[in-house]
Amino acid sequence: MRRKVYVGLGHLSVALGVVGAFVPVMPSVDFLIVAAACYAKGNPALKKKLLAHPRFGPPLRDWEEHRAVSRRGKRLGIALVTVGIAISIVWGVEAAWLRILLGVIWAGVVVLLLALKTQETSD
């Protein structure tokens, strides 16, 4: 039963990761890291398949092997979260306190991304 729960959570995380690939403020690799961890406990073959994926596999392998994010991944993450939150602040939110909160969240995400180890690749 526990293995089925892990596989179910892995599937949900993959689905959220795929959505995150298209929605600027939502992370994709974060959910895929969770999916890989769930698959490792529920169905290692699914984890292997996820790590072999041509699009999602490289950043997952960087994280698993080096606990690092590529320079391109950091740049893209910062750019997308900046655009998403800027749009929310300018057009989506009227309350000043919420704009400030979004700014604080933005700063936190940027600091976190910059603090993560950078995996040196050819990007």
PDB file of N, CA and C in Angstrom:
ATOM      1  N   MET A   1       0.824  -1.193   0.000  1.00  0.00           N
ATOM      2  CA  MET A   1       0.000   0.000   0.000  1.00  0.00           C
ATOM      3  C   MET A   1       0.872   1.262   0.000  1.00  0.00           C
ATOM      4  N   ARG A   2       1.941   1.256   0.805  1.00  0.00           N
ATOM      5  CA  ARG A   2       2.822   2.420   0.902  1.00  0.00           C
ATOM      6  C   ARG A   2       3.462   2.733  -0.454  1.00  0.00           C
ATOM      7  N   ARG A   3       3.864   1.688  -1.182  1.00  0.00           N
ATOM      8  CA  ARG A   3       4.470   1.893  -2.497  1.00  0.00           C
ATOM      9  C   ARG A   3       3.496   2.566  -3.460  1.00  0.00           C
ATOM     10  N   LYS A   4       2.223   2.162  -3.385  1.00  0.00           N
ATOM     11  CA  LYS A   4       1.204   2.772  -4.251  1.00  0.00           C
ATOM     12  C   LYS A   4       1.006   4.246  -3.921  1.00  0.00           C
ATOM     13  N   VAL A   5       1.072   4.590  -2.648  1.00  0.00           N
ATOM     14  CA  VAL A   5       0.944   5.995  -2.237  1.00  0.00           C
ATOM     15  C   VAL A   5       2.124   6.796  -2.796  1.00  0.00           C
ATOM     16  N   TYR A   6       3.336   6.256  -2.682  1.00  0.00           N
ATOM     17  CA  TYR A   6       4.501   6.951  -3.222  1.00  0.00           C
ATOM     18  C   TYR A   6       4.394   7.127  -4.736  1.00  0.00           C
ATOM     19  N   VAL A   7       3.952   6.104  -5.430  1.00  0.00           N
ATOM     20  CA  VAL A   7       3.801   6.210  -6.885  1.00  0.00           C
ATOM     21  C   VAL A   7       2.728   7.243  -7.225  1.00  0.00           C
ATOM     22  N   GLY A   8       1.623   7.245  -6.488  1.00  0.00           N
ATOM     23  CA  GLY A   8       0.563   8.235  -6.710  1.00  0.00           C
ATOM     24  C   GLY A   8       1.065   9.656  -6.489  1.00  0.00           C
ATOM     25  N   LEU A   9       1.825   9.852  -5.400  1.00  0.00           N
ATOM     26  CA  LEU A   9       2.404  11.169  -5.142  1.00  0.00           C
ATOM     27  C   LEU A   9       3.421  11.542  -6.221  1.00  0.00           C
ATOM     28  N   GLY A  10       4.148  10.553  -6.708  1.00  0.00           N
ATOM     29  CA  GLY A  10       5.089  10.792  -7.800  1.00  0.00           C
ATOM     30  C   GLY A  10       4.370  11.247  -9.057  1.00  0.00           C
ATOM     31  N   HIS A  11       3.274  10.569  -9.392  1.00  0.00           N
ATOM     32  CA  HIS A  11       2.487  10.959 -10.574  1.00  0.00           C
ATOM     33  C   HIS A  11       1.947  12.382 -10.419  1.00  0.00           C
ATOM     34  N   LEU A  12       1.425  12.691  -9.234  1.00  0.00           N
ATOM     35  CA  LEU A  12       0.905  14.038  -8.981  1.00  0.00           C
ATOM     36  C   LEU A  12       2.017  15.072  -9.120  1.00  0.00           C
ATOM     37  N   SER A  13       3.177  14.779  -8.592  1.00  0.00           N
ATOM     38  CA  SER A  13       4.305  15.707  -8.684  1.00  0.00           C
ATOM     39  C   SER A  13       4.763  15.891 -10.126  1.00  0.00           C
ATOM     40  N   VAL A  14       4.765  14.822 -10.901  1.00  0.00           N
ATOM     41  CA  VAL A  14       5.122  14.952 -12.324  1.00  0.00           C
ATOM     42  C   VAL A  14       4.102  15.839 -13.031  1.00  0.00           C
ATOM     43  N   ALA A  15       2.831  15.623 -12.755  1.00  0.00           N
ATOM     44  CA  ALA A  15       1.786  16.450 -13.382  1.00  0.00           C
ATOM     45  C   ALA A  15       1.986  17.926 -13.024  1.00  0.00           C
ATOM     46  N   LEU A  16       2.251  18.208 -11.757  1.00  0.00           N
ATOM     47  CA  LEU A  16       2.483  19.595 -11.343  1.00  0.00           C
ATOM     48  C   LEU A  16       3.760  20.149 -11.975  1.00  0.00           C
ATOM     49  N   GLY A  17       4.761  19.311 -12.118  1.00  0.00           N
ATOM     50  CA  GLY A  17       5.996  19.734 -12.769  1.00  0.00           C
ATOM     51  C   GLY A  17       5.794  20.080 -14.232  1.00  0.00           C
ATOM     52  N   VAL A  18       4.979  19.309 -14.915  1.00  0.00           N
ATOM     53  CA  VAL A  18       4.681  19.591 -16.323  1.00  0.00           C
ATOM     54  C   VAL A  18       3.905  20.901 -16.433  1.00  0.00           C
ATOM     55  N   VAL A  19       2.933  21.107 -15.555  1.00  0.00           N
ATOM     56  CA  VAL A  19       2.201  22.378 -15.540  1.00  0.00           C
ATOM     57  C   VAL A  19       3.184  23.521 -15.274  1.00  0.00           C
ATOM     58  N   GLY A  20       4.093  23.304 -14.322  1.00  0.00           N
ATOM     59  CA  GLY A  20       5.076  24.328 -13.992  1.00  0.00           C
ATOM     60  C   GLY A  20       5.990  24.689 -15.143  1.00  0.00           C
ATOM     61  N   ALA A  21       6.163  23.795 -16.078  1.00  0.00           N
ATOM     62  CA  ALA A  21       6.989  24.091 -17.251  1.00  0.00           C
ATOM     63  C   ALA A  21       6.342  25.159 -18.137  1.00  0.00           C
ATOM     64  N   PHE A  22       5.036  25.355 -17.981  1.00  0.00           N
ATOM     65  CA  PHE A  22       4.312  26.315 -18.815  1.00  0.00           C
ATOM     66  C   PHE A  22       3.797  27.526 -18.047  1.00  0.00           C
ATOM     67  N   VAL A  23       3.781  27.460 -16.721  1.00  0.00           N
ATOM     68  CA  VAL A  23       3.273  28.559 -15.899  1.00  0.00           C
ATOM     69  C   VAL A  23       4.476  29.249 -15.248  1.00  0.00           C
ATOM     70  N   PRO A  24       4.687  30.538 -15.548  1.00  0.00           N
ATOM     71  CA  PRO A  24       5.911  31.215 -15.132  1.00  0.00           C
ATOM     72  C   PRO A  24       6.239  31.180 -13.641  1.00  0.00           C
ATOM     73  N   VAL A  25       5.278  31.335 -12.756  1.00  0.00           N
ATOM     74  CA  VAL A  25       5.601  31.435 -11.339  1.00  0.00           C
ATOM     75  C   VAL A  25       5.700  30.068 -10.670  1.00  0.00           C
ATOM     76  N   MET A  26       5.174  29.052 -11.308  1.00  0.00           N
ATOM     77  CA  MET A  26       5.153  27.715 -10.709  1.00  0.00           C
ATOM     78  C   MET A  26       6.410  26.940 -11.095  1.00  0.00           C
ATOM     79  N   PRO A  27       7.089  26.377 -10.115  1.00  0.00           N
ATOM     80  CA  PRO A  27       8.317  25.645 -10.428  1.00  0.00           C
ATOM     81  C   PRO A  27       8.024  24.315 -11.115  1.00  0.00           C
ATOM     82  N   SER A  28       8.947  23.857 -11.916  1.00  0.00           N
ATOM     83  CA  SER A  28       8.769  22.532 -12.520  1.00  0.00           C
ATOM     84  C   SER A  28       9.774  21.546 -11.935  1.00  0.00           C
ATOM     85  N   VAL A  29      11.038  21.931 -11.902  1.00  0.00           N
ATOM     86  CA  VAL A  29      12.068  21.001 -11.444  1.00  0.00           C
ATOM     87  C   VAL A  29      11.845  20.620  -9.980  1.00  0.00           C
ATOM     88  N   ASP A  30      11.364  21.572  -9.168  1.00  0.00           N
ATOM     89  CA  ASP A  30      11.105  21.273  -7.755  1.00  0.00           C
ATOM     90  C   ASP A  30      10.131  20.101  -7.615  1.00  0.00           C
ATOM     91  N   PHE A  31       9.047  20.155  -8.372  1.00  0.00           N
ATOM     92  CA  PHE A  31       8.065  19.073  -8.312  1.00  0.00           C
ATOM     93  C   PHE A  31       8.640  17.770  -8.861  1.00  0.00           C
ATOM     94  N   LEU A  32       9.489  17.882  -9.864  1.00  0.00           N
ATOM     95  CA  LEU A  32      10.088  16.678 -10.437  1.00  0.00           C
ATOM     96  C   LEU A  32      11.099  16.048  -9.484  1.00  0.00           C
ATOM     97  N   ILE A  33      11.763  16.875  -8.681  1.00  0.00           N
ATOM     98  CA  ILE A  33      12.660  16.331  -7.652  1.00  0.00           C
ATOM     99  C   ILE A  33      11.845  15.533  -6.635  1.00  0.00           C
ATOM    100  N   VAL A  34      10.697  16.085  -6.251  1.00  0.00           N
ATOM    101  CA  VAL A  34       9.808  15.365  -5.328  1.00  0.00           C
ATOM    102  C   VAL A  34       9.331  14.065  -5.978  1.00  0.00           C
ATOM    103  N   ALA A  35       8.976  14.138  -7.261  1.00  0.00           N
ATOM    104  CA  ALA A  35       8.526  12.941  -7.970  1.00  0.00           C
ATOM    105  C   ALA A  35       9.610  11.870  -7.980  1.00  0.00           C
ATOM    106  N   ALA A  36      10.846  12.267  -8.248  1.00  0.00           N
ATOM    107  CA  ALA A  36      11.950  11.299  -8.270  1.00  0.00           C
ATOM    108  C   ALA A  36      12.122  10.646  -6.901  1.00  0.00           C
ATOM    109  N   ALA A  37      11.991  11.436  -5.837  1.00  0.00           N
ATOM    110  CA  ALA A  37      12.123  10.876  -4.486  1.00  0.00           C
ATOM    111  C   ALA A  37      10.988   9.895  -4.198  1.00  0.00           C
ATOM    112  N   CYS A  38       9.784  10.248  -4.614  1.00  0.00           N
ATOM    113  CA  CYS A  38       8.637   9.346  -4.407  1.00  0.00           C
ATOM    114  C   CYS A  38       8.801   8.067  -5.215  1.00  0.00           C
ATOM    115  N   TYR A  39       9.213   8.212  -6.462  1.00  0.00           N
ATOM    116  CA  TYR A  39       9.399   7.034  -7.306  1.00  0.00           C
ATOM    117  C   TYR A  39      10.509   6.140  -6.762  1.00  0.00           C
ATOM    118  N   ALA A  40      11.544   6.735  -6.172  1.00  0.00           N
ATOM    119  CA  ALA A  40      12.629   5.937  -5.605  1.00  0.00           C
ATOM    120  C   ALA A  40      12.111   4.988  -4.539  1.00  0.00           C
ATOM    121  N   LYS A  41      11.110   5.419  -3.793  1.00  0.00           N
ATOM    122  CA  LYS A  41      10.543   4.574  -2.733  1.00  0.00           C
ATOM    123  C   LYS A  41       9.395   3.701  -3.227  1.00  0.00           C
ATOM    124  N   GLY A  42       8.723   4.148  -4.299  1.00  0.00           N
ATOM    125  CA  GLY A  42       7.548   3.416  -4.760  1.00  0.00           C
ATOM    126  C   GLY A  42       7.784   2.532  -5.962  1.00  0.00           C
ATOM    127  N   ASN A  43       8.582   3.010  -6.912  1.00  0.00           N
ATOM    128  CA  ASN A  43       8.839   2.259  -8.139  1.00  0.00           C
ATOM    129  C   ASN A  43      10.119   2.795  -8.775  1.00  0.00           C
ATOM    130  N   PRO A  44      11.270   2.227  -8.425  1.00  0.00           N
ATOM    131  CA  PRO A  44      12.549   2.722  -8.939  1.00  0.00           C
ATOM    132  C   PRO A  44      12.638   2.782 -10.466  1.00  0.00           C
ATOM    133  N   ALA A  45      11.892   1.925 -11.149  1.00  0.00           N
ATOM    134  CA  ALA A  45      11.906   1.960 -12.619  1.00  0.00           C
ATOM    135  C   ALA A  45      11.344   3.286 -13.132  1.00  0.00           C
ATOM    136  N   LEU A  46      10.332   3.826 -12.446  1.00  0.00           N
ATOM    137  CA  LEU A  46       9.771   5.119 -12.846  1.00  0.00           C
ATOM    138  C   LEU A  46      10.768   6.239 -12.597  1.00  0.00           C
ATOM    139  N   LYS A  47      11.527   6.139 -11.520  1.00  0.00           N
ATOM    140  CA  LYS A  47      12.560   7.139 -11.250  1.00  0.00           C
ATOM    141  C   LYS A  47      13.606   7.109 -12.357  1.00  0.00           C
ATOM    142  N   LYS A  48      14.018   5.914 -12.725  1.00  0.00           N
ATOM    143  CA  LYS A  48      15.023   5.758 -13.788  1.00  0.00           C
ATOM    144  C   LYS A  48      14.504   6.371 -15.099  1.00  0.00           C
ATOM    145  N   LYS A  49      13.233   6.138 -15.385  1.00  0.00           N
ATOM    146  CA  LYS A  49      12.626   6.687 -16.598  1.00  0.00           C
ATOM    147  C   LYS A  49      12.590   8.217 -16.543  1.00  0.00           C
ATOM    148  N   LEU A  50      12.259   8.764 -15.379  1.00  0.00           N
ATOM    149  CA  LEU A  50      12.211  10.213 -15.202  1.00  0.00           C
ATOM    150  C   LEU A  50      13.607  10.824 -15.376  1.00  0.00           C
ATOM    151  N   LEU A  51      14.618  10.193 -14.785  1.00  0.00           N
ATOM    152  CA  LEU A  51      15.984  10.701 -14.913  1.00  0.00           C
ATOM    153  C   LEU A  51      16.511  10.596 -16.345  1.00  0.00           C
ATOM    154  N   ALA A  52      15.956   9.679 -17.127  1.00  0.00           N
ATOM    155  CA  ALA A  52      16.379   9.505 -18.518  1.00  0.00           C
ATOM    156  C   ALA A  52      15.620  10.413 -19.484  1.00  0.00           C
ATOM    157  N   HIS A  53      14.620  11.134 -18.990  1.00  0.00           N
ATOM    158  CA  HIS A  53      13.822  12.000 -19.860  1.00  0.00           C
ATOM    159  C   HIS A  53      14.728  13.057 -20.497  1.00  0.00           C
ATOM    160  N   PRO A  54      14.598  13.282 -21.813  1.00  0.00           N
ATOM    161  CA  PRO A  54      15.505  14.213 -22.490  1.00  0.00           C
ATOM    162  C   PRO A  54      15.376  15.668 -22.007  1.00  0.00           C
ATOM    163  N   ARG A  55      14.210  16.091 -21.602  1.00  0.00           N
ATOM    164  CA  ARG A  55      14.000  17.482 -21.178  1.00  0.00           C
ATOM    165  C   ARG A  55      14.207  17.671 -19.675  1.00  0.00           C
ATOM    166  N   PHE A  56      13.609  16.783 -18.881  1.00  0.00           N
ATOM    167  CA  PHE A  56      13.629  16.942 -17.434  1.00  0.00           C
ATOM    168  C   PHE A  56      14.763  16.197 -16.749  1.00  0.00           C
ATOM    169  N   GLY A  57      15.351  15.246 -17.425  1.00  0.00           N
ATOM    170  CA  GLY A  57      16.393  14.428 -16.817  1.00  0.00           C
ATOM    171  C   GLY A  57      17.652  15.181 -16.411  1.00  0.00           C
ATOM    172  N   PRO A  58      18.225  16.020 -17.291  1.00  0.00           N
ATOM    173  CA  PRO A  58      19.478  16.691 -16.926  1.00  0.00           C
ATOM    174  C   PRO A  58      19.419  17.521 -15.636  1.00  0.00           C
ATOM    175  N   PRO A  59      18.397  18.390 -15.453  1.00  0.00           N
ATOM    176  CA  PRO A  59      18.389  19.135 -14.186  1.00  0.00           C
ATOM    177  C   PRO A  59      18.154  18.233 -12.973  1.00  0.00           C
ATOM    178  N   LEU A  60      17.407  17.166 -13.163  1.00  0.00           N
ATOM    179  CA  LEU A  60      17.189  16.228 -12.061  1.00  0.00           C
ATOM    180  C   LEU A  60      18.484  15.497 -11.704  1.00  0.00           C
ATOM    181  N   ARG A  61      19.229  15.101 -12.708  1.00  0.00           N
ATOM    182  CA  ARG A  61      20.505  14.427 -12.456  1.00  0.00           C
ATOM    183  C   ARG A  61      21.501  15.378 -11.794  1.00  0.00           C
ATOM    184  N   ASP A  62      21.523  16.649 -12.251  1.00  0.00           N
ATOM    185  CA  ASP A  62      22.396  17.639 -11.603  1.00  0.00           C
ATOM    186  C   ASP A  62      22.061  17.751 -10.118  1.00  0.00           C
ATOM    187  N   TRP A  63      20.764  17.794  -9.820  1.00  0.00           N
ATOM    188  CA  TRP A  63      20.368  17.925  -8.422  1.00  0.00           C
ATOM    189  C   TRP A  63      20.734  16.663  -7.643  1.00  0.00           C
ATOM    190  N   GLU A  64      20.439  15.512  -8.217  1.00  0.00           N
ATOM    191  CA  GLU A  64      20.680  14.254  -7.507  1.00  0.00           C
ATOM    192  C   GLU A  64      22.171  13.983  -7.300  1.00  0.00           C
ATOM    193  N   GLU A  65      22.966  14.266  -8.301  1.00  0.00           N
ATOM    194  CA  GLU A  65      24.387  13.947  -8.225  1.00  0.00           C
ATOM    195  C   GLU A  65      25.211  15.016  -7.504  1.00  0.00           C
ATOM    196  N   HIS A  66      24.816  16.284  -7.648  1.00  0.00           N
ATOM    197  CA  HIS A  66      25.655  17.369  -7.141  1.00  0.00           C
ATOM    198  C   HIS A  66      24.930  18.326  -6.194  1.00  0.00           C
ATOM    199  N   ARG A  67      23.628  18.122  -6.012  1.00  0.00           N
ATOM    200  CA  ARG A  67      22.808  19.064  -5.235  1.00  0.00           C
ATOM    201  C   ARG A  67      23.036  20.481  -5.757  1.00  0.00           C
ATOM    202  N   ALA A  68      22.985  20.606  -7.093  1.00  0.00           N
ATOM    203  CA  ALA A  68      23.278  21.872  -7.751  1.00  0.00           C
ATOM    204  C   ALA A  68      22.277  22.139  -8.867  1.00  0.00           C
ATOM    205  N   VAL A  69      22.208  23.411  -9.259  1.00  0.00           N
ATOM    206  CA  VAL A  69      21.331  23.863 -10.336  1.00  0.00           C
ATOM    207  C   VAL A  69      22.226  24.503 -11.393  1.00  0.00           C
ATOM    208  N   SER A  70      21.898  24.292 -12.645  1.00  0.00           N
ATOM    209  CA  SER A  70      22.712  24.878 -13.711  1.00  0.00           C
ATOM    210  C   SER A  70      22.579  26.398 -13.700  1.00  0.00           C
ATOM    211  N   ARG A  71      23.575  27.051 -14.250  1.00  0.00           N
ATOM    212  CA  ARG A  71      23.536  28.519 -14.358  1.00  0.00           C
ATOM    213  C   ARG A  71      22.324  28.945 -15.183  1.00  0.00           C
ATOM    214  N   ARG A  72      22.054  28.224 -16.242  1.00  0.00           N
ATOM    215  CA  ARG A  72      20.883  28.519 -17.083  1.00  0.00           C
ATOM    216  C   ARG A  72      19.597  28.359 -16.272  1.00  0.00           C
ATOM    217  N   GLY A  73      19.519  27.310 -15.469  1.00  0.00           N
ATOM    218  CA  GLY A  73      18.341  27.085 -14.639  1.00  0.00           C
ATOM    219  C   GLY A  73      18.114  28.214 -13.652  1.00  0.00           C
ATOM    220  N   LYS A  74      19.200  28.699 -13.070  1.00  0.00           N
ATOM    221  CA  LYS A  74      19.089  29.829 -12.145  1.00  0.00           C
ATOM    222  C   LYS A  74      18.599  31.077 -12.876  1.00  0.00           C
ATOM    223  N   ARG A  75      19.214  31.370 -14.019  1.00  0.00           N
ATOM    224  CA  ARG A  75      18.809  32.563 -14.783  1.00  0.00           C
ATOM    225  C   ARG A  75      17.342  32.472 -15.188  1.00  0.00           C
ATOM    226  N   LEU A  76      16.959  31.321 -15.693  1.00  0.00           N
ATOM    227  CA  LEU A  76      15.579  31.128 -16.130  1.00  0.00           C
ATOM    228  C   LEU A  76      14.610  31.227 -14.952  1.00  0.00           C
ATOM    229  N   GLY A  77      14.963  30.614 -13.839  1.00  0.00           N
ATOM    230  CA  GLY A  77      14.115  30.676 -12.655  1.00  0.00           C
ATOM    231  C   GLY A  77      13.931  32.093 -12.164  1.00  0.00           C
ATOM    232  N   ILE A  78      15.005  32.847 -12.099  1.00  0.00           N
ATOM    233  CA  ILE A  78      14.931  34.241 -11.642  1.00  0.00           C
ATOM    234  C   ILE A  78      14.109  35.071 -12.625  1.00  0.00           C
ATOM    235  N   ALA A  79      14.336  34.870 -13.906  1.00  0.00           N
ATOM    236  CA  ALA A  79      13.593  35.637 -14.907  1.00  0.00           C
ATOM    237  C   ALA A  79      12.094  35.337 -14.839  1.00  0.00           C
ATOM    238  N   LEU A  80      11.747  34.073 -14.763  1.00  0.00           N
ATOM    239  CA  LEU A  80      10.329  33.710 -14.759  1.00  0.00           C
ATOM    240  C   LEU A  80       9.609  34.159 -13.492  1.00  0.00           C
ATOM    241  N   VAL A  81      10.250  34.010 -12.350  1.00  0.00           N
ATOM    242  CA  VAL A  81       9.601  34.446 -11.112  1.00  0.00           C
ATOM    243  C   VAL A  81       9.500  35.973 -11.100  1.00  0.00           C
ATOM    244  N   THR A  82      10.472  36.662 -11.672  1.00  0.00           N
ATOM    245  CA  THR A  82      10.417  38.121 -11.739  1.00  0.00           C
ATOM    246  C   THR A  82       9.256  38.574 -12.625  1.00  0.00           C
ATOM    247  N   VAL A  83       9.134  37.975 -13.790  1.00  0.00           N
ATOM    248  CA  VAL A  83       8.035  38.336 -14.699  1.00  0.00           C
ATOM    249  C   VAL A  83       6.685  38.014 -14.061  1.00  0.00           C
ATOM    250  N   GLY A  84       6.550  36.827 -13.512  1.00  0.00           N
ATOM    251  CA  GLY A  84       5.275  36.421 -12.924  1.00  0.00           C
ATOM    252  C   GLY A  84       4.845  37.305 -11.772  1.00  0.00           C
ATOM    253  N   ILE A  85       5.765  37.612 -10.890  1.00  0.00           N
ATOM    254  CA  ILE A  85       5.413  38.445  -9.742  1.00  0.00           C
ATOM    255  C   ILE A  85       5.218  39.891 -10.164  1.00  0.00           C
ATOM    256  N   ALA A  86       6.005  40.371 -11.112  1.00  0.00           N
ATOM    257  CA  ALA A  86       5.810  41.744 -11.603  1.00  0.00           C
ATOM    258  C   ALA A  86       4.430  41.909 -12.221  1.00  0.00           C
ATOM    259  N   ILE A  87       4.010  40.942 -13.001  1.00  0.00           N
ATOM    260  CA  ILE A  87       2.663  40.993 -13.590  1.00  0.00           C
ATOM    261  C   ILE A  87       1.611  41.010 -12.487  1.00  0.00           C
ATOM    262  N   SER A  88       1.797  40.183 -11.485  1.00  0.00           N
ATOM    263  CA  SER A  88       0.845  40.141 -10.369  1.00  0.00           C
ATOM    264  C   SER A  88       0.797  41.469  -9.629  1.00  0.00           C
ATOM    265  N   ILE A  89       1.946  42.071  -9.402  1.00  0.00           N
ATOM    266  CA  ILE A  89       1.993  43.341  -8.668  1.00  0.00           C
ATOM    267  C   ILE A  89       1.375  44.474  -9.488  1.00  0.00           C
ATOM    268  N   VAL A  90       1.684  44.523 -10.771  1.00  0.00           N
ATOM    269  CA  VAL A  90       1.213  45.630 -11.607  1.00  0.00           C
ATOM    270  C   VAL A  90      -0.267  45.499 -11.958  1.00  0.00           C
ATOM    271  N   TRP A  91      -0.695  44.297 -12.356  1.00  0.00           N
ATOM    272  CA  TRP A  91      -2.063  44.157 -12.842  1.00  0.00           C
ATOM    273  C   TRP A  91      -2.980  43.288 -11.990  1.00  0.00           C
ATOM    274  N   GLY A  92      -2.438  42.499 -11.105  1.00  0.00           N
ATOM    275  CA  GLY A  92      -3.283  41.527 -10.417  1.00  0.00           C
ATOM    276  C   GLY A  92      -3.651  41.843  -8.986  1.00  0.00           C
ATOM    277  N   VAL A  93      -2.914  42.744  -8.347  1.00  0.00           N
ATOM    278  CA  VAL A  93      -3.110  42.971  -6.919  1.00  0.00           C
ATOM    279  C   VAL A  93      -3.245  44.470  -6.664  1.00  0.00           C
ATOM    280  N   GLU A  94      -4.243  44.831  -5.891  1.00  0.00           N
ATOM    281  CA  GLU A  94      -4.416  46.246  -5.557  1.00  0.00           C
ATOM    282  C   GLU A  94      -3.951  46.576  -4.148  1.00  0.00           C
ATOM    283  N   ALA A  95      -4.058  45.635  -3.230  1.00  0.00           N
ATOM    284  CA  ALA A  95      -3.710  45.895  -1.835  1.00  0.00           C
ATOM    285  C   ALA A  95      -2.194  46.092  -1.690  1.00  0.00           C
ATOM    286  N   ALA A  96      -1.816  47.191  -1.071  1.00  0.00           N
ATOM    287  CA  ALA A  96      -0.398  47.508  -0.892  1.00  0.00           C
ATOM    288  C   ALA A  96       0.317  46.428  -0.087  1.00  0.00           C
ATOM    289  N   TRP A  97      -0.336  45.899   0.958  1.00  0.00           N
ATOM    290  CA  TRP A  97       0.314  44.882   1.786  1.00  0.00           C
ATOM    291  C   TRP A  97       0.593  43.613   0.991  1.00  0.00           C
ATOM    292  N   LEU A  98      -0.297  43.300   0.035  1.00  0.00           N
ATOM    293  CA  LEU A  98      -0.089  42.106  -0.777  1.00  0.00           C
ATOM    294  C   LEU A  98       1.031  42.326  -1.793  1.00  0.00           C
ATOM    295  N   ARG A  99       1.128  43.536  -2.311  1.00  0.00           N
ATOM    296  CA  ARG A  99       2.241  43.857  -3.214  1.00  0.00           C
ATOM    297  C   ARG A  99       3.572  43.732  -2.485  1.00  0.00           C
ATOM    298  N   ILE A 100       3.603  44.217  -1.247  1.00  0.00           N
ATOM    299  CA  ILE A 100       4.822  44.107  -0.444  1.00  0.00           C
ATOM    300  C   ILE A 100       5.142  42.642  -0.175  1.00  0.00           C
ATOM    301  N   LEU A 101       4.123  41.854   0.166  1.00  0.00           N
ATOM    302  CA  LEU A 101       4.326  40.429   0.412  1.00  0.00           C
ATOM    303  C   LEU A 101       4.878  39.732  -0.833  1.00  0.00           C
ATOM    304  N   LEU A 102       4.322  40.054  -1.991  1.00  0.00           N
ATOM    305  CA  LEU A 102       4.833  39.462  -3.234  1.00  0.00           C
ATOM    306  C   LEU A 102       6.285  39.862  -3.474  1.00  0.00           C
ATOM    307  N   GLY A 103       6.630  41.105  -3.158  1.00  0.00           N
ATOM    308  CA  GLY A 103       8.017  41.547  -3.289  1.00  0.00           C
ATOM    309  C   GLY A 103       8.950  40.789  -2.366  1.00  0.00           C
ATOM    310  N   VAL A 104       8.489  40.529  -1.147  1.00  0.00           N
ATOM    311  CA  VAL A 104       9.284  39.766  -0.188  1.00  0.00           C
ATOM    312  C   VAL A 104       9.451  38.322  -0.667  1.00  0.00           C
ATOM    313  N   ILE A 105       8.375  37.733  -1.178  1.00  0.00           N
ATOM    314  CA  ILE A 105       8.452  36.367  -1.716  1.00  0.00           C
ATOM    315  C   ILE A 105       9.428  36.324  -2.890  1.00  0.00           C
ATOM    316  N   TRP A 106       9.329  37.327  -3.768  1.00  0.00           N
ATOM    317  CA  TRP A 106      10.252  37.394  -4.902  1.00  0.00           C
ATOM    318  C   TRP A 106      11.697  37.426  -4.412  1.00  0.00           C
ATOM    319  N   ALA A 107      11.972  38.302  -3.455  1.00  0.00           N
ATOM    320  CA  ALA A 107      13.332  38.430  -2.932  1.00  0.00           C
ATOM    321  C   ALA A 107      13.807  37.107  -2.326  1.00  0.00           C
ATOM    322  N   GLY A 108      12.931  36.444  -1.599  1.00  0.00           N
ATOM    323  CA  GLY A 108      13.293  35.171  -0.993  1.00  0.00           C
ATOM    324  C   GLY A 108      13.630  34.108  -2.029  1.00  0.00           C
ATOM    325  N   VAL A 109      12.836  34.038  -3.076  1.00  0.00           N
ATOM    326  CA  VAL A 109      13.082  33.049  -4.130  1.00  0.00           C
ATOM    327  C   VAL A 109      14.404  33.353  -4.845  1.00  0.00           C
ATOM    328  N   VAL A 110      14.641  34.626  -5.138  1.00  0.00           N
ATOM    329  CA  VAL A 110      15.887  35.001  -5.817  1.00  0.00           C
ATOM    330  C   VAL A 110      17.097  34.681  -4.944  1.00  0.00           C
ATOM    331  N   VAL A 111      17.022  35.022  -3.666  1.00  0.00           N
ATOM    332  CA  VAL A 111      18.130  34.723  -2.750  1.00  0.00           C
ATOM    333  C   VAL A 111      18.362  33.209  -2.675  1.00  0.00           C
ATOM    334  N   LEU A 112      17.274  32.435  -2.582  1.00  0.00           N
ATOM    335  CA  LEU A 112      17.398  30.978  -2.535  1.00  0.00           C
ATOM    336  C   LEU A 112      18.075  30.447  -3.792  1.00  0.00           C
ATOM    337  N   LEU A 113      17.624  30.900  -4.950  1.00  0.00           N
ATOM    338  CA  LEU A 113      18.223  30.427  -6.201  1.00  0.00           C
ATOM    339  C   LEU A 113      19.703  30.794  -6.282  1.00  0.00           C
ATOM    340  N   LEU A 114      20.030  32.003  -5.885  1.00  0.00           N
ATOM    341  CA  LEU A 114      21.430  32.419  -5.940  1.00  0.00           C
ATOM    342  C   LEU A 114      22.286  31.664  -4.932  1.00  0.00           C
ATOM    343  N   ALA A 115      21.682  31.247  -3.821  1.00  0.00           N
ATOM    344  CA  ALA A 115      22.438  30.544  -2.781  1.00  0.00           C
ATOM    345  C   ALA A 115      22.703  29.085  -3.139  1.00  0.00           C
ATOM    346  N   LEU A 116      21.893  28.517  -4.016  1.00  0.00           N
ATOM    347  CA  LEU A 116      22.111  27.128  -4.401  1.00  0.00           C
ATOM    348  C   LEU A 116      23.422  26.980  -5.160  1.00  0.00           C
ATOM    349  N   LYS A 117      24.060  25.870  -4.973  1.00  0.00           N
ATOM    350  CA  LYS A 117      25.301  25.565  -5.679  1.00  0.00           C
ATOM    351  C   LYS A 117      25.025  25.556  -7.187  1.00  0.00           C
ATOM    352  N   THR A 118      25.965  26.093  -7.956  1.00  0.00           N
ATOM    353  CA  THR A 118      25.820  26.135  -9.402  1.00  0.00           C
ATOM    354  C   THR A 118      26.573  24.983 -10.032  1.00  0.00           C
ATOM    355  N   GLN A 119      25.873  24.223 -10.842  1.00  0.00           N
ATOM    356  CA  GLN A 119      26.484  23.122 -11.593  1.00  0.00           C
ATOM    357  C   GLN A 119      27.051  23.717 -12.873  1.00  0.00           C
ATOM    358  N   GLU A 120      28.349  23.702 -12.995  1.00  0.00           N
ATOM    359  CA  GLU A 120      29.000  24.271 -14.179  1.00  0.00           C
ATOM    360  C   GLU A 120      28.760  23.351 -15.372  1.00  0.00           C
ATOM    361  N   THR A 121      28.065  23.878 -16.354  1.00  0.00           N
ATOM    362  CA  THR A 121      27.817  23.146 -17.601  1.00  0.00           C
ATOM    363  C   THR A 121      28.170  24.074 -18.748  1.00  0.00           C
ATOM    364  N   SER A 122      27.912  23.631 -19.940  1.00  0.00           N
ATOM    365  CA  SER A 122      28.249  24.456 -21.108  1.00  0.00           C
ATOM    366  C   SER A 122      27.085  25.324 -21.549  1.00  0.00           C
ATOM    367  N   ASP A 123      26.342  25.909 -20.592  1.00  0.00           N
ATOM    368  CA  ASP A 123      25.233  26.783 -21.018  1.00  0.00           C
ATOM    369  C   ASP A 123      25.528  28.194 -20.806  1.00  0.00           C
TER     370      ASP A 123
END
